[in-house]
Protein backbone atom coordinates (compact mmCIF):
# COMPACT_ATOMS: atom_id res chain seq x y z
CA MET A 1 -11.15 -7.78 -0.99
CA ILE A 2 -8.58 -8.95 1.54
CA ASN A 3 -9.95 -8.23 4.99
CA PHE A 4 -9.05 -11.07 7.28
CA PRO A 5 -5.76 -12.61 8.41
CA ASP A 6 -6.74 -15.82 6.63
CA ASP A 7 -7.09 -13.84 3.39
CA HIS A 8 -3.61 -12.38 3.91
CA LEU A 9 -2.14 -15.80 4.45
CA LEU A 10 -3.85 -17.22 1.37
CA PHE A 11 -2.80 -14.28 -0.82
CA ALA A 12 0.78 -14.48 0.49
CA MET A 13 0.88 -18.18 -0.39
CA GLN A 14 -0.48 -17.41 -3.87
CA PHE A 15 2.07 -14.59 -4.29
CA MET A 16 4.91 -16.95 -3.37
CA GLN A 17 3.56 -19.55 -5.81
CA MET A 18 3.41 -16.88 -8.54
CA LEU A 19 7.06 -16.01 -7.85
CA ASN A 20 7.94 -19.68 -8.23
CA ASP A 21 5.85 -20.07 -11.39
CA PHE A 22 7.55 -17.10 -13.03
CA LYS A 23 11.08 -17.66 -11.76
CA ALA A 24 12.31 -17.76 -15.36
CA ILE A 25 11.56 -14.03 -15.72
CA ILE A 26 12.09 -12.91 -12.11
CA ARG A 27 15.60 -12.57 -10.76
CA GLU A 28 16.03 -14.62 -7.62
CA ASP A 29 14.88 -12.60 -4.60
CA GLU A 30 14.01 -9.56 -6.76
CA CYS A 31 12.32 -6.87 -4.70
CA PRO A 32 9.25 -5.23 -6.31
CA ALA A 33 10.15 -1.81 -4.86
CA CYS A 34 13.93 -1.37 -5.05
CA GLY A 35 14.56 -3.93 -7.80
CA LEU A 36 17.55 -5.37 -6.00
CA GLN A 37 18.01 -9.01 -5.13
CA THR A 38 17.17 -8.41 -1.46
CA ARG A 39 13.68 -9.84 -1.07
CA SER A 40 13.25 -12.58 1.47
CA ASN A 41 9.84 -14.13 0.91
CA LEU A 42 7.38 -11.30 1.61
CA ILE A 43 9.71 -8.54 2.82
CA CYS A 44 12.78 -6.71 1.50
CA LEU A 45 15.97 -6.97 3.55
CA ASN A 46 17.47 -3.80 2.06
CA ASP A 47 17.64 -1.26 4.93
CA GLU A 48 16.84 1.55 2.50
CA CYS A 49 13.70 -0.13 1.16
CA ASP A 50 10.33 -0.38 2.88
CA TRP A 51 8.77 -3.10 0.72
CA MET A 52 6.68 -5.76 2.34
CA LEU A 53 3.74 -7.46 0.66
CA PHE A 54 1.15 -6.05 3.09
CA ILE A 55 1.72 -2.66 4.66
CA ASP A 56 -1.55 -2.81 6.60
CA MET A 57 -4.70 -4.92 6.73
CA ALA A 58 -6.06 -5.21 3.20
CA LYS A 59 -3.35 -2.91 1.77
CA LEU A 60 -0.62 -4.11 -0.54
CA HIS A 61 2.58 -2.11 -0.75
CA PRO A 62 2.10 0.49 -3.54
CA ALA A 63 5.02 -0.94 -5.55
CA THR A 64 3.53 -4.44 -5.74
CA ILE A 65 0.84 -4.02 -8.42
CA PRO A 66 3.02 -1.96 -10.81
CA TRP A 67 5.76 -4.59 -10.41
CA MET A 68 3.30 -7.37 -11.19
CA ASN A 69 2.19 -5.43 -14.27
CA SER A 70 5.83 -5.19 -15.33
CA LEU A 71 6.01 -8.99 -15.13
CA LYS A 72 3.23 -9.11 -17.74
CA GLU A 73 5.40 -6.98 -20.02
CA ARG A 74 8.37 -9.28 -19.51
CA LEU A 75 6.21 -12.23 -20.56
CA LYS A 76 5.49 -10.68 -23.97
């Protein structure tokens, strides 16, 4: 469980590494919520999108896990 700021930082670093590891199947700057190429690191720059990796302490944005599951499907 992610409870402390250090955990958030570590998970964010791991998330960014995952994006780099899977860049062959992820469009550059693809946002997990809106699907557009508007993500800048851990937030979306699309004014109409609210995606950011963490929406609150220990809470990932609801679109993040389904998007990560979709990456698994792309790998098949």
